[in-house]
Amino acid sequence: MKRRMLDPEESAGTAETSLCKALLAMRDVGEMRALLHDLCTPAELEALVDRWTVVPHVLKGTPYREIHEHTAVSITTIGRVARFLTRGSGGYRKAAARVAARGKPRQERRA
């Protein structure tokens, strides 16, 4: 975590809650994609996509090397995702379950 020389106006918890509310305010895939592209650097977005890509494979119990062969995601990232699936806050599992329950995510709206 980076150190800050100045005290921020709002606490880290408040800022994180604000970010969560902004993410939840997006109404469809197109809006979320636009926010993510504005919010993240290309490398950050690629890291998020890589992590999410391996979630279904890890949940199925696919061996790490096989996941790597199918996704080109590093073994280290696959291990990180697996670790958070078992000992994380439950976010990956909840999101994966909701996506599976809904079938396909909502499509982009045309303006």
PDB file of N, CA and C in Angstrom:
ATOM      1  N   MET A   1       0.847  -1.175   0.000  1.00  0.00           N
ATOM      2  CA  MET A   1       0.000   0.000   0.000  1.00  0.00           C
ATOM      3  C   MET A   1       0.890   1.235   0.000  1.00  0.00           C
ATOM      4  N   LYS A   2       0.501   2.216  -0.767  1.00  0.00           N
ATOM      5  CA  LYS A   2       1.336   3.409  -0.851  1.00  0.00           C
ATOM      6  C   LYS A   2       1.147   4.303   0.376  1.00  0.00           C
ATOM      7  N   ARG A   3       2.204   5.006   0.704  1.00  0.00           N
ATOM      8  CA  ARG A   3       2.144   5.946   1.817  1.00  0.00           C
ATOM      9  C   ARG A   3       1.797   7.316   1.282  1.00  0.00           C
ATOM     10  N   ARG A   4       1.039   8.029   2.038  1.00  0.00           N
ATOM     11  CA  ARG A   4       0.649   9.385   1.640  1.00  0.00           C
ATOM     12  C   ARG A   4       1.291  10.387   2.585  1.00  0.00           C
ATOM     13  N   MET A   5       1.757  11.466   2.007  1.00  0.00           N
ATOM     14  CA  MET A   5       2.399  12.503   2.811  1.00  0.00           C
ATOM     15  C   MET A   5       1.368  13.419   3.470  1.00  0.00           C
ATOM     16  N   LEU A   6       0.201  13.548   2.860  1.00  0.00           N
ATOM     17  CA  LEU A   6      -0.842  14.404   3.402  1.00  0.00           C
ATOM     18  C   LEU A   6      -1.981  13.534   3.920  1.00  0.00           C
ATOM     19  N   ASP A   7      -2.703  14.060   4.869  1.00  0.00           N
ATOM     20  CA  ASP A   7      -3.878  13.349   5.354  1.00  0.00           C
ATOM     21  C   ASP A   7      -5.017  13.562   4.371  1.00  0.00           C
ATOM     22  N   PRO A   8      -5.641  12.477   3.892  1.00  0.00           N
ATOM     23  CA  PRO A   8      -6.766  12.653   2.974  1.00  0.00           C
ATOM     24  C   PRO A   8      -7.963  13.251   3.706  1.00  0.00           C
ATOM     25  N   GLU A   9      -8.840  13.890   2.939  1.00  0.00           N
ATOM     26  CA  GLU A   9     -10.019  14.519   3.530  1.00  0.00           C
ATOM     27  C   GLU A   9     -11.005  13.495   4.064  1.00  0.00           C
ATOM     28  N   GLU A  10     -11.057  12.306   3.425  1.00  0.00           N
ATOM     29  CA  GLU A  10     -11.945  11.269   3.922  1.00  0.00           C
ATOM     30  C   GLU A  10     -11.137  10.020   4.216  1.00  0.00           C
ATOM     31  N   SER A  11     -11.645   9.202   5.125  1.00  0.00           N
ATOM     32  CA  SER A  11     -10.924   7.999   5.514  1.00  0.00           C
ATOM     33  C   SER A  11     -10.887   7.000   4.367  1.00  0.00           C
ATOM     34  N   ALA A  12      -9.946   6.067   4.441  1.00  0.00           N
ATOM     35  CA  ALA A  12      -9.840   5.033   3.409  1.00  0.00           C
ATOM     36  C   ALA A  12     -11.121   4.212   3.338  1.00  0.00           C
ATOM     37  N   GLY A  13     -11.718   3.931   4.481  1.00  0.00           N
ATOM     38  CA  GLY A  13     -12.974   3.168   4.505  1.00  0.00           C
ATOM     39  C   GLY A  13     -14.106   3.908   3.828  1.00  0.00           C
ATOM     40  N   THR A  14     -14.201   5.201   4.055  1.00  0.00           N
ATOM     41  CA  THR A  14     -15.240   6.011   3.429  1.00  0.00           C
ATOM     42  C   THR A  14     -15.013   6.096   1.919  1.00  0.00           C
ATOM     43  N   ALA A  15     -13.766   6.275   1.514  1.00  0.00           N
ATOM     44  CA  ALA A  15     -13.445   6.344   0.093  1.00  0.00           C
ATOM     45  C   ALA A  15     -13.736   5.009  -0.589  1.00  0.00           C
ATOM     46  N   GLU A  16     -13.424   3.898   0.090  1.00  0.00           N
ATOM     47  CA  GLU A  16     -13.711   2.575  -0.471  1.00  0.00           C
ATOM     48  C   GLU A  16     -15.213   2.359  -0.608  1.00  0.00           C
ATOM     49  N   THR A  17     -15.975   2.787   0.377  1.00  0.00           N
ATOM     50  CA  THR A  17     -17.433   2.681   0.309  1.00  0.00           C
ATOM     51  C   THR A  17     -17.972   3.508  -0.854  1.00  0.00           C
ATOM     52  N   SER A  18     -17.422   4.687  -1.055  1.00  0.00           N
ATOM     53  CA  SER A  18     -17.832   5.546  -2.163  1.00  0.00           C
ATOM     54  C   SER A  18     -17.559   4.866  -3.505  1.00  0.00           C
ATOM     55  N   LEU A  19     -16.392   4.239  -3.636  1.00  0.00           N
ATOM     56  CA  LEU A  19     -16.052   3.511  -4.857  1.00  0.00           C
ATOM     57  C   LEU A  19     -17.024   2.351  -5.073  1.00  0.00           C
ATOM     58  N   CYS A  20     -17.315   1.597  -4.029  1.00  0.00           N
ATOM     59  CA  CYS A  20     -18.275   0.482  -4.139  1.00  0.00           C
ATOM     60  C   CYS A  20     -19.636   0.980  -4.616  1.00  0.00           C
ATOM     61  N   LYS A  21     -20.079   2.106  -4.091  1.00  0.00           N
ATOM     62  CA  LYS A  21     -21.365   2.673  -4.510  1.00  0.00           C
ATOM     63  C   LYS A  21     -21.337   3.086  -5.978  1.00  0.00           C
ATOM     64  N   ALA A  22     -20.214   3.638  -6.423  1.00  0.00           N
ATOM     65  CA  ALA A  22     -20.085   4.025  -7.834  1.00  0.00           C
ATOM     66  C   ALA A  22     -20.148   2.792  -8.729  1.00  0.00           C
ATOM     67  N   LEU A  23     -19.470   1.719  -8.346  1.00  0.00           N
ATOM     68  CA  LEU A  23     -19.514   0.479  -9.126  1.00  0.00           C
ATOM     69  C   LEU A  23     -20.932  -0.081  -9.177  1.00  0.00           C
ATOM     70  N   LEU A  24     -21.621  -0.054  -8.056  1.00  0.00           N
ATOM     71  CA  LEU A  24     -22.991  -0.557  -8.008  1.00  0.00           C
ATOM     72  C   LEU A  24     -23.973   0.321  -8.778  1.00  0.00           C
ATOM     73  N   ALA A  25     -23.619   1.571  -9.018  1.00  0.00           N
ATOM     74  CA  ALA A  25     -24.508   2.484  -9.736  1.00  0.00           C
ATOM     75  C   ALA A  25     -24.550   2.210 -11.240  1.00  0.00           C
ATOM     76  N   MET A  26     -23.596   1.458 -11.760  1.00  0.00           N
ATOM     77  CA  MET A  26     -23.585   1.148 -13.190  1.00  0.00           C
ATOM     78  C   MET A  26     -24.745   0.204 -13.512  1.00  0.00           C
ATOM     79  N   ARG A  27     -25.436   0.473 -14.622  1.00  0.00           N
ATOM     80  CA  ARG A  27     -26.678  -0.242 -14.926  1.00  0.00           C
ATOM     81  C   ARG A  27     -26.515  -1.417 -15.876  1.00  0.00           C
ATOM     82  N   ASP A  28     -25.408  -1.441 -16.625  1.00  0.00           N
ATOM     83  CA  ASP A  28     -25.231  -2.538 -17.581  1.00  0.00           C
ATOM     84  C   ASP A  28     -23.747  -2.716 -17.893  1.00  0.00           C
ATOM     85  N   VAL A  29     -23.455  -3.703 -18.708  1.00  0.00           N
ATOM     86  CA  VAL A  29     -22.073  -4.022 -19.052  1.00  0.00           C
ATOM     87  C   VAL A  29     -21.372  -2.832 -19.704  1.00  0.00           C
ATOM     88  N   GLY A  30     -22.051  -2.133 -20.577  1.00  0.00           N
ATOM     89  CA  GLY A  30     -21.440  -0.987 -21.251  1.00  0.00           C
ATOM     90  C   GLY A  30     -21.041   0.108 -20.285  1.00  0.00           C
ATOM     91  N   GLU A  31     -21.923   0.429 -19.350  1.00  0.00           N
ATOM     92  CA  GLU A  31     -21.600   1.454 -18.354  1.00  0.00           C
ATOM     93  C   GLU A  31     -20.444   0.998 -17.465  1.00  0.00           C
ATOM     94  N   MET A  32     -20.461  -0.270 -17.055  1.00  0.00           N
ATOM     95  CA  MET A  32     -19.390  -0.771 -16.195  1.00  0.00           C
ATOM     96  C   MET A  32     -18.067  -0.772 -16.956  1.00  0.00           C
ATOM     97  N   ARG A  33     -18.098  -1.187 -18.210  1.00  0.00           N
ATOM     98  CA  ARG A  33     -16.873  -1.183 -19.016  1.00  0.00           C
ATOM     99  C   ARG A  33     -16.312   0.239 -19.114  1.00  0.00           C
ATOM    100  N   ALA A  34     -17.172   1.216 -19.364  1.00  0.00           N
ATOM    101  CA  ALA A  34     -16.718   2.606 -19.478  1.00  0.00           C
ATOM    102  C   ALA A  34     -16.083   3.076 -18.169  1.00  0.00           C
ATOM    103  N   LEU A  35     -16.711   2.763 -17.045  1.00  0.00           N
ATOM    104  CA  LEU A  35     -16.154   3.164 -15.751  1.00  0.00           C
ATOM    105  C   LEU A  35     -14.809   2.485 -15.511  1.00  0.00           C
ATOM    106  N   LEU A  36     -14.728   1.185 -15.775  1.00  0.00           N
ATOM    107  CA  LEU A  36     -13.467   0.476 -15.556  1.00  0.00           C
ATOM    108  C   LEU A  36     -12.348   1.024 -16.438  1.00  0.00           C
ATOM    109  N   HIS A  37     -12.671   1.364 -17.687  1.00  0.00           N
ATOM    110  CA  HIS A  37     -11.654   1.923 -18.581  1.00  0.00           C
ATOM    111  C   HIS A  37     -11.206   3.308 -18.117  1.00  0.00           C
ATOM    112  N   ASP A  38     -12.105   4.066 -17.502  1.00  0.00           N
ATOM    113  CA  ASP A  38     -11.725   5.374 -16.960  1.00  0.00           C
ATOM    114  C   ASP A  38     -10.957   5.238 -15.648  1.00  0.00           C
ATOM    115  N   LEU A  39     -11.329   4.254 -14.854  1.00  0.00           N
ATOM    116  CA  LEU A  39     -10.793   4.099 -13.506  1.00  0.00           C
ATOM    117  C   LEU A  39      -9.433   3.408 -13.473  1.00  0.00           C
ATOM    118  N   CYS A  40      -9.227   2.442 -14.348  1.00  0.00           N
ATOM    119  CA  CYS A  40      -8.035   1.593 -14.299  1.00  0.00           C
ATOM    120  C   CYS A  40      -7.068   1.910 -15.440  1.00  0.00           C
ATOM    121  N   THR A  41      -5.798   1.676 -15.178  1.00  0.00           N
ATOM    122  CA  THR A  41      -4.824   1.707 -16.260  1.00  0.00           C
ATOM    123  C   THR A  41      -5.034   0.437 -17.080  1.00  0.00           C
ATOM    124  N   PRO A  42      -4.527   0.400 -18.310  1.00  0.00           N
ATOM    125  CA  PRO A  42      -4.647  -0.840 -19.087  1.00  0.00           C
ATOM    126  C   PRO A  42      -4.068  -2.058 -18.357  1.00  0.00           C
ATOM    127  N   ALA A  43      -2.955  -1.885 -17.660  1.00  0.00           N
ATOM    128  CA  ALA A  43      -2.341  -2.995 -16.929  1.00  0.00           C
ATOM    129  C   ALA A  43      -3.220  -3.445 -15.760  1.00  0.00           C
ATOM    130  N   GLU A  44      -3.827  -2.494 -15.054  1.00  0.00           N
ATOM    131  CA  GLU A  44      -4.723  -2.846 -13.943  1.00  0.00           C
ATOM    132  C   GLU A  44      -5.947  -3.599 -14.452  1.00  0.00           C
ATOM    133  N   LEU A  45      -6.501  -3.120 -15.556  1.00  0.00           N
ATOM    134  CA  LEU A  45      -7.668  -3.781 -16.124  1.00  0.00           C
ATOM    135  C   LEU A  45      -7.311  -5.185 -16.608  1.00  0.00           C
ATOM    136  N   GLU A  46      -6.153  -5.326 -17.230  1.00  0.00           N
ATOM    137  CA  GLU A  46      -5.707  -6.648 -17.675  1.00  0.00           C
ATOM    138  C   GLU A  46      -5.551  -7.600 -16.487  1.00  0.00           C
ATOM    139  N   ALA A  47      -5.019  -7.104 -15.374  1.00  0.00           N
ATOM    140  CA  ALA A  47      -4.865  -7.936 -14.175  1.00  0.00           C
ATOM    141  C   ALA A  47      -6.226  -8.375 -13.648  1.00  0.00           C
ATOM    142  N   LEU A  48      -7.199  -7.472 -13.620  1.00  0.00           N
ATOM    143  CA  LEU A  48      -8.549  -7.824 -13.162  1.00  0.00           C
ATOM    144  C   LEU A  48      -9.177  -8.875 -14.077  1.00  0.00           C
ATOM    145  N   VAL A  49      -9.046  -8.660 -15.380  1.00  0.00           N
ATOM    146  CA  VAL A  49      -9.603  -9.601 -16.353  1.00  0.00           C
ATOM    147  C   VAL A  49      -8.938 -10.969 -16.214  1.00  0.00           C
ATOM    148  N   ASP A  50      -7.611 -10.988 -16.060  1.00  0.00           N
ATOM    149  CA  ASP A  50      -6.903 -12.259 -15.881  1.00  0.00           C
ATOM    150  C   ASP A  50      -7.420 -13.002 -14.661  1.00  0.00           C
ATOM    151  N   ARG A  51      -7.565 -12.312 -13.547  1.00  0.00           N
ATOM    152  CA  ARG A  51      -8.040 -12.959 -12.316  1.00  0.00           C
ATOM    153  C   ARG A  51      -9.440 -13.525 -12.512  1.00  0.00           C
ATOM    154  N   TRP A  52     -10.321 -12.736 -13.104  1.00  0.00           N
ATOM    155  CA  TRP A  52     -11.692 -13.186 -13.284  1.00  0.00           C
ATOM    156  C   TRP A  52     -11.766 -14.354 -14.270  1.00  0.00           C
ATOM    157  N   THR A  53     -10.911 -14.342 -15.280  1.00  0.00           N
ATOM    158  CA  THR A  53     -10.901 -15.401 -16.287  1.00  0.00           C
ATOM    159  C   THR A  53     -10.610 -16.769 -15.682  1.00  0.00           C
ATOM    160  N   VAL A  54      -9.759 -16.807 -14.673  1.00  0.00           N
ATOM    161  CA  VAL A  54      -9.385 -18.113 -14.112  1.00  0.00           C
ATOM    162  C   VAL A  54     -10.352 -18.616 -13.047  1.00  0.00           C
ATOM    163  N   VAL A  55     -11.227 -17.765 -12.535  1.00  0.00           N
ATOM    164  CA  VAL A  55     -12.142 -18.175 -11.463  1.00  0.00           C
ATOM    165  C   VAL A  55     -12.937 -19.436 -11.812  1.00  0.00           C
ATOM    166  N   PRO A  56     -13.632 -19.503 -12.957  1.00  0.00           N
ATOM    167  CA  PRO A  56     -14.406 -20.714 -13.231  1.00  0.00           C
ATOM    168  C   PRO A  56     -13.547 -21.966 -13.332  1.00  0.00           C
ATOM    169  N   HIS A  57     -12.339 -21.828 -13.853  1.00  0.00           N
ATOM    170  CA  HIS A  57     -11.437 -22.972 -13.964  1.00  0.00           C
ATOM    171  C   HIS A  57     -11.030 -23.484 -12.583  1.00  0.00           C
ATOM    172  N   VAL A  58     -10.688 -22.554 -11.688  1.00  0.00           N
ATOM    173  CA  VAL A  58     -10.284 -22.945 -10.333  1.00  0.00           C
ATOM    174  C   VAL A  58     -11.472 -23.576  -9.607  1.00  0.00           C
ATOM    175  N   LEU A  59     -12.656 -22.998  -9.773  1.00  0.00           N
ATOM    176  CA  LEU A  59     -13.846 -23.564  -9.126  1.00  0.00           C
ATOM    177  C   LEU A  59     -14.140 -24.984  -9.599  1.00  0.00           C
ATOM    178  N   LYS A  60     -13.798 -25.284 -10.858  1.00  0.00           N
ATOM    179  CA  LYS A  60     -13.991 -26.642 -11.396  1.00  0.00           C
ATOM    180  C   LYS A  60     -12.898 -27.599 -10.946  1.00  0.00           C
ATOM    181  N   GLY A  61     -11.839 -27.060 -10.342  1.00  0.00           N
ATOM    182  CA  GLY A  61     -10.741 -27.908  -9.902  1.00  0.00           C
ATOM    183  C   GLY A  61      -9.732 -28.231 -10.991  1.00  0.00           C
ATOM    184  N   THR A  62      -9.721 -27.444 -12.041  1.00  0.00           N
ATOM    185  CA  THR A  62      -8.781 -27.649 -13.134  1.00  0.00           C
ATOM    186  C   THR A  62      -7.355 -27.422 -12.623  1.00  0.00           C
ATOM    187  N   PRO A  63      -6.416 -28.302 -12.969  1.00  0.00           N
ATOM    188  CA  PRO A  63      -5.022 -28.099 -12.537  1.00  0.00           C
ATOM    189  C   PRO A  63      -4.469 -26.768 -13.046  1.00  0.00           C
ATOM    190  N   TYR A  64      -3.615 -26.158 -12.235  1.00  0.00           N
ATOM    191  CA  TYR A  64      -3.075 -24.838 -12.560  1.00  0.00           C
ATOM    192  C   TYR A  64      -2.400 -24.798 -13.923  1.00  0.00           C
ATOM    193  N   ARG A  65      -1.594 -25.792 -14.236  1.00  0.00           N
ATOM    194  CA  ARG A  65      -0.879 -25.797 -15.522  1.00  0.00           C
ATOM    195  C   ARG A  65      -1.857 -25.842 -16.686  1.00  0.00           C
ATOM    196  N   GLU A  66      -2.939 -26.584 -16.524  1.00  0.00           N
ATOM    197  CA  GLU A  66      -3.958 -26.647 -17.582  1.00  0.00           C
ATOM    198  C   GLU A  66      -4.661 -25.300 -17.723  1.00  0.00           C
ATOM    199  N   ILE A  67      -4.948 -24.649 -16.597  1.00  0.00           N
ATOM    200  CA  ILE A  67      -5.553 -23.304 -16.641  1.00  0.00           C
ATOM    201  C   ILE A  67      -4.615 -22.364 -17.388  1.00  0.00           C
ATOM    202  N   HIS A  68      -3.337 -22.427 -17.062  1.00  0.00           N
ATOM    203  CA  HIS A  68      -2.345 -21.574 -17.726  1.00  0.00           C
ATOM    204  C   HIS A  68      -2.339 -21.828 -19.235  1.00  0.00           C
ATOM    205  N   GLU A  69      -2.396 -23.099 -19.634  1.00  0.00           N
ATOM    206  CA  GLU A  69      -2.381 -23.439 -21.055  1.00  0.00           C
ATOM    207  C   GLU A  69      -3.609 -22.887 -21.787  1.00  0.00           C
ATOM    208  N   HIS A  70      -4.749 -22.860 -21.117  1.00  0.00           N
ATOM    209  CA  HIS A  70      -5.987 -22.382 -21.740  1.00  0.00           C
ATOM    210  C   HIS A  70      -6.126 -20.860 -21.714  1.00  0.00           C
ATOM    211  N   THR A  71      -5.546 -20.208 -20.694  1.00  0.00           N
ATOM    212  CA  THR A  71      -5.784 -18.774 -20.508  1.00  0.00           C
ATOM    213  C   THR A  71      -4.547 -17.899 -20.695  1.00  0.00           C
ATOM    214  N   ALA A  72      -3.358 -18.478 -20.629  1.00  0.00           N
ATOM    215  CA  ALA A  72      -2.086 -17.756 -20.656  1.00  0.00           C
ATOM    216  C   ALA A  72      -1.880 -16.883 -19.419  1.00  0.00           C
ATOM    217  N   VAL A  73      -2.687 -17.090 -18.396  1.00  0.00           N
ATOM    218  CA  VAL A  73      -2.524 -16.372 -17.131  1.00  0.00           C
ATOM    219  C   VAL A  73      -1.428 -17.081 -16.336  1.00  0.00           C
ATOM    220  N   SER A  74      -0.603 -16.303 -15.651  1.00  0.00           N
ATOM    221  CA  SER A  74       0.530 -16.876 -14.928  1.00  0.00           C
ATOM    222  C   SER A  74       0.073 -17.806 -13.806  1.00  0.00           C
ATOM    223  N   ILE A  75       0.924 -18.780 -13.512  1.00  0.00           N
ATOM    224  CA  ILE A  75       0.663 -19.722 -12.421  1.00  0.00           C
ATOM    225  C   ILE A  75       0.540 -18.952 -11.105  1.00  0.00           C
ATOM    226  N   THR A  76       1.330 -17.909 -10.933  1.00  0.00           N
ATOM    227  CA  THR A  76       1.272 -17.096  -9.711  1.00  0.00           C
ATOM    228  C   THR A  76      -0.103 -16.460  -9.542  1.00  0.00           C
ATOM    229  N   THR A  77      -0.636 -15.892 -10.619  1.00  0.00           N
ATOM    230  CA  THR A  77      -1.967 -15.274 -10.552  1.00  0.00           C
ATOM    231  C   THR A  77      -3.036 -16.328 -10.296  1.00  0.00           C
ATOM    232  N   ILE A  78      -2.913 -17.483 -10.933  1.00  0.00           N
ATOM    233  CA  ILE A  78      -3.870 -18.566 -10.716  1.00  0.00           C
ATOM    234  C   ILE A  78      -3.851 -18.981  -9.245  1.00  0.00           C
ATOM    235  N   GLY A  79      -2.663 -19.112  -8.680  1.00  0.00           N
ATOM    236  CA  GLY A  79      -2.535 -19.463  -7.266  1.00  0.00           C
ATOM    237  C   GLY A  79      -3.135 -18.403  -6.361  1.00  0.00           C
ATOM    238  N   ARG A  80      -2.958 -17.136  -6.726  1.00  0.00           N
ATOM    239  CA  ARG A  80      -3.525 -16.047  -5.925  1.00  0.00           C
ATOM    240  C   ARG A  80      -5.051 -16.125  -5.930  1.00  0.00           C
ATOM    241  N   VAL A  81      -5.623 -16.336  -7.102  1.00  0.00           N
ATOM    242  CA  VAL A  81      -7.078 -16.451  -7.202  1.00  0.00           C
ATOM    243  C   VAL A  81      -7.561 -17.640  -6.374  1.00  0.00           C
ATOM    244  N   ALA A  82      -6.880 -18.769  -6.501  1.00  0.00           N
ATOM    245  CA  ALA A  82      -7.274 -19.963  -5.743  1.00  0.00           C
ATOM    246  C   ALA A  82      -7.206 -19.700  -4.240  1.00  0.00           C
ATOM    247  N   ARG A  83      -6.173 -19.012  -3.806  1.00  0.00           N
ATOM    248  CA  ARG A  83      -6.022 -18.694  -2.382  1.00  0.00           C
ATOM    249  C   ARG A  83      -7.175 -17.826  -1.887  1.00  0.00           C
ATOM    250  N   PHE A  84      -7.552 -16.832  -2.687  1.00  0.00           N
ATOM    251  CA  PHE A  84      -8.648 -15.959  -2.273  1.00  0.00           C
ATOM    252  C   PHE A  84     -10.008 -16.641  -2.391  1.00  0.00           C
ATOM    253  N   LEU A  85     -10.117 -17.617  -3.277  1.00  0.00           N
ATOM    254  CA  LEU A  85     -11.359 -18.389  -3.346  1.00  0.00           C
ATOM    255  C   LEU A  85     -11.561 -19.213  -2.073  1.00  0.00           C
ATOM    256  N   THR A  86     -10.467 -19.674  -1.483  1.00  0.00           N
ATOM    257  CA  THR A  86     -10.600 -20.496  -0.272  1.00  0.00           C
ATOM    258  C   THR A  86     -10.494 -19.691   1.014  1.00  0.00           C
ATOM    259  N   ARG A  87      -9.683 -18.633   1.023  1.00  0.00           N
ATOM    260  CA  ARG A  87      -9.467 -17.898   2.275  1.00  0.00           C
ATOM    261  C   ARG A  87      -9.740 -16.407   2.163  1.00  0.00           C
ATOM    262  N   GLY A  88     -10.416 -15.988   1.110  1.00  0.00           N
ATOM    263  CA  GLY A  88     -10.687 -14.569   0.923  1.00  0.00           C
ATOM    264  C   GLY A  88     -11.964 -14.138   1.625  1.00  0.00           C
ATOM    265  N   SER A  89     -12.528 -13.065   1.151  1.00  0.00           N
ATOM    266  CA  SER A  89     -13.743 -12.495   1.750  1.00  0.00           C
ATOM    267  C   SER A  89     -15.027 -13.054   1.155  1.00  0.00           C
ATOM    268  N   GLY A  90     -14.905 -13.934   0.174  1.00  0.00           N
ATOM    269  CA  GLY A  90     -16.091 -14.535  -0.435  1.00  0.00           C
ATOM    270  C   GLY A  90     -16.597 -13.817  -1.673  1.00  0.00           C
ATOM    271  N   GLY A  91     -15.914 -12.771  -2.087  1.00  0.00           N
ATOM    272  CA  GLY A  91     -16.374 -11.987  -3.229  1.00  0.00           C
ATOM    273  C   GLY A  91     -16.348 -12.744  -4.544  1.00  0.00           C
ATOM    274  N   TYR A  92     -15.254 -13.464  -4.803  1.00  0.00           N
ATOM    275  CA  TYR A  92     -15.174 -14.240  -6.040  1.00  0.00           C
ATOM    276  C   TYR A  92     -16.319 -15.246  -6.111  1.00  0.00           C
ATOM    277  N   ARG A  93     -16.520 -15.994  -5.042  1.00  0.00           N
ATOM    278  CA  ARG A  93     -17.562 -17.037  -5.034  1.00  0.00           C
ATOM    279  C   ARG A  93     -18.962 -16.441  -5.222  1.00  0.00           C
ATOM    280  N   LYS A  94     -19.221 -15.358  -4.525  1.00  0.00           N
ATOM    281  CA  LYS A  94     -20.544 -14.734  -4.632  1.00  0.00           C
ATOM    282  C   LYS A  94     -20.785 -14.218  -6.041  1.00  0.00           C
ATOM    283  N   ALA A  95     -19.796 -13.549  -6.610  1.00  0.00           N
ATOM    284  CA  ALA A  95     -19.942 -13.021  -7.969  1.00  0.00           C
ATOM    285  C   ALA A  95     -20.106 -14.160  -8.971  1.00  0.00           C
ATOM    286  N   ALA A  96     -19.304 -15.201  -8.841  1.00  0.00           N
ATOM    287  CA  ALA A  96     -19.397 -16.341  -9.765  1.00  0.00           C
ATOM    288  C   ALA A  96     -20.760 -17.018  -9.652  1.00  0.00           C
ATOM    289  N   ALA A  97     -21.261 -17.168  -8.445  1.00  0.00           N
ATOM    290  CA  ALA A  97     -22.572 -17.789  -8.244  1.00  0.00           C
ATOM    291  C   ALA A  97     -23.680 -16.938  -8.851  1.00  0.00           C
ATOM    292  N   ARG A  98     -23.588 -15.631  -8.680  1.00  0.00           N
ATOM    293  CA  ARG A  98     -24.624 -14.749  -9.232  1.00  0.00           C
ATOM    294  C   ARG A  98     -24.587 -14.714 -10.749  1.00  0.00           C
ATOM    295  N   VAL A  99     -23.398 -14.702 -11.333  1.00  0.00           N
ATOM    296  CA  VAL A  99     -23.283 -14.734 -12.789  1.00  0.00           C
ATOM    297  C   VAL A  99     -23.862 -16.045 -13.313  1.00  0.00           C
ATOM    298  N   ALA A 100     -23.546 -17.145 -12.662  1.00  0.00           N
ATOM    299  CA  ALA A 100     -24.062 -18.454 -13.084  1.00  0.00           C
ATOM    300  C   ALA A 100     -25.583 -18.511 -12.947  1.00  0.00           C
ATOM    301  N   ALA A 101     -26.117 -17.934 -11.881  1.00  0.00           N
ATOM    302  CA  ALA A 101     -27.566 -17.957 -11.649  1.00  0.00           C
ATOM    303  C   ALA A 101     -28.314 -17.113 -12.670  1.00  0.00           C
ATOM    304  N   ARG A 102     -27.697 -16.058 -13.124  1.00  0.00           N
ATOM    305  CA  ARG A 102     -28.337 -15.176 -14.094  1.00  0.00           C
ATOM    306  C   ARG A 102     -28.111 -15.621 -15.526  1.00  0.00           C
ATOM    307  N   GLY A 103     -27.226 -16.578 -15.706  1.00  0.00           N
ATOM    308  CA  GLY A 103     -26.861 -16.962 -17.067  1.00  0.00           C
ATOM    309  C   GLY A 103     -25.885 -15.948 -17.600  1.00  0.00           C
ATOM    310  N   LYS A 104     -26.230 -15.322 -18.676  1.00  0.00           N
ATOM    311  CA  LYS A 104     -25.348 -14.314 -19.269  1.00  0.00           C
ATOM    312  C   LYS A 104     -25.544 -12.983 -18.569  1.00  0.00           C
ATOM    313  N   PRO A 105     -24.454 -12.198 -18.407  1.00  0.00           N
ATOM    314  CA  PRO A 105     -24.607 -10.853 -17.858  1.00  0.00           C
ATOM    315  C   PRO A 105     -25.480  -9.994 -18.780  1.00  0.00           C
ATOM    316  N   ARG A 106     -26.089  -8.963 -18.199  1.00  0.00           N
ATOM    317  CA  ARG A 106     -26.891  -8.059 -19.010  1.00  0.00           C
ATOM    318  C   ARG A 106     -26.068  -7.462 -20.120  1.00  0.00           C
ATOM    319  N   GLN A 107     -26.647  -7.371 -21.280  1.00  0.00           N
ATOM    320  CA  GLN A 107     -25.945  -6.843 -22.443  1.00  0.00           C
ATOM    321  C   GLN A 107     -25.913  -5.318 -22.388  1.00  0.00           C
ATOM    322  N   GLU A 108     -25.048  -4.769 -23.208  1.00  0.00           N
ATOM    323  CA  GLU A 108     -24.919  -3.322 -23.283  1.00  0.00           C
ATOM    324  C   GLU A 108     -26.205  -2.704 -23.820  1.00  0.00           C
ATOM    325  N   ARG A 109     -26.550  -1.564 -23.281  1.00  0.00           N
ATOM    326  CA  ARG A 109     -27.704  -0.817 -23.779  1.00  0.00           C
ATOM    327  C   ARG A 109     -27.253   0.073 -24.916  1.00  0.00           C
ATOM    328  N   ARG A 110     -28.106   0.248 -25.849  1.00  0.00           N
ATOM    329  CA  ARG A 110     -27.816   1.169 -26.960  1.00  0.00           C
ATOM    330  C   ARG A 110     -28.467   2.504 -26.623  1.00  0.00           C
ATOM    331  N   ALA A 111     -27.679   3.555 -26.673  1.00  0.00           N
ATOM    332  CA  ALA A 111     -28.200   4.889 -26.322  1.00  0.00           C
ATOM    333  C   ALA A 111     -29.036   5.461 -27.422  1.00  0.00           C
TER     334      ALA A 111
END
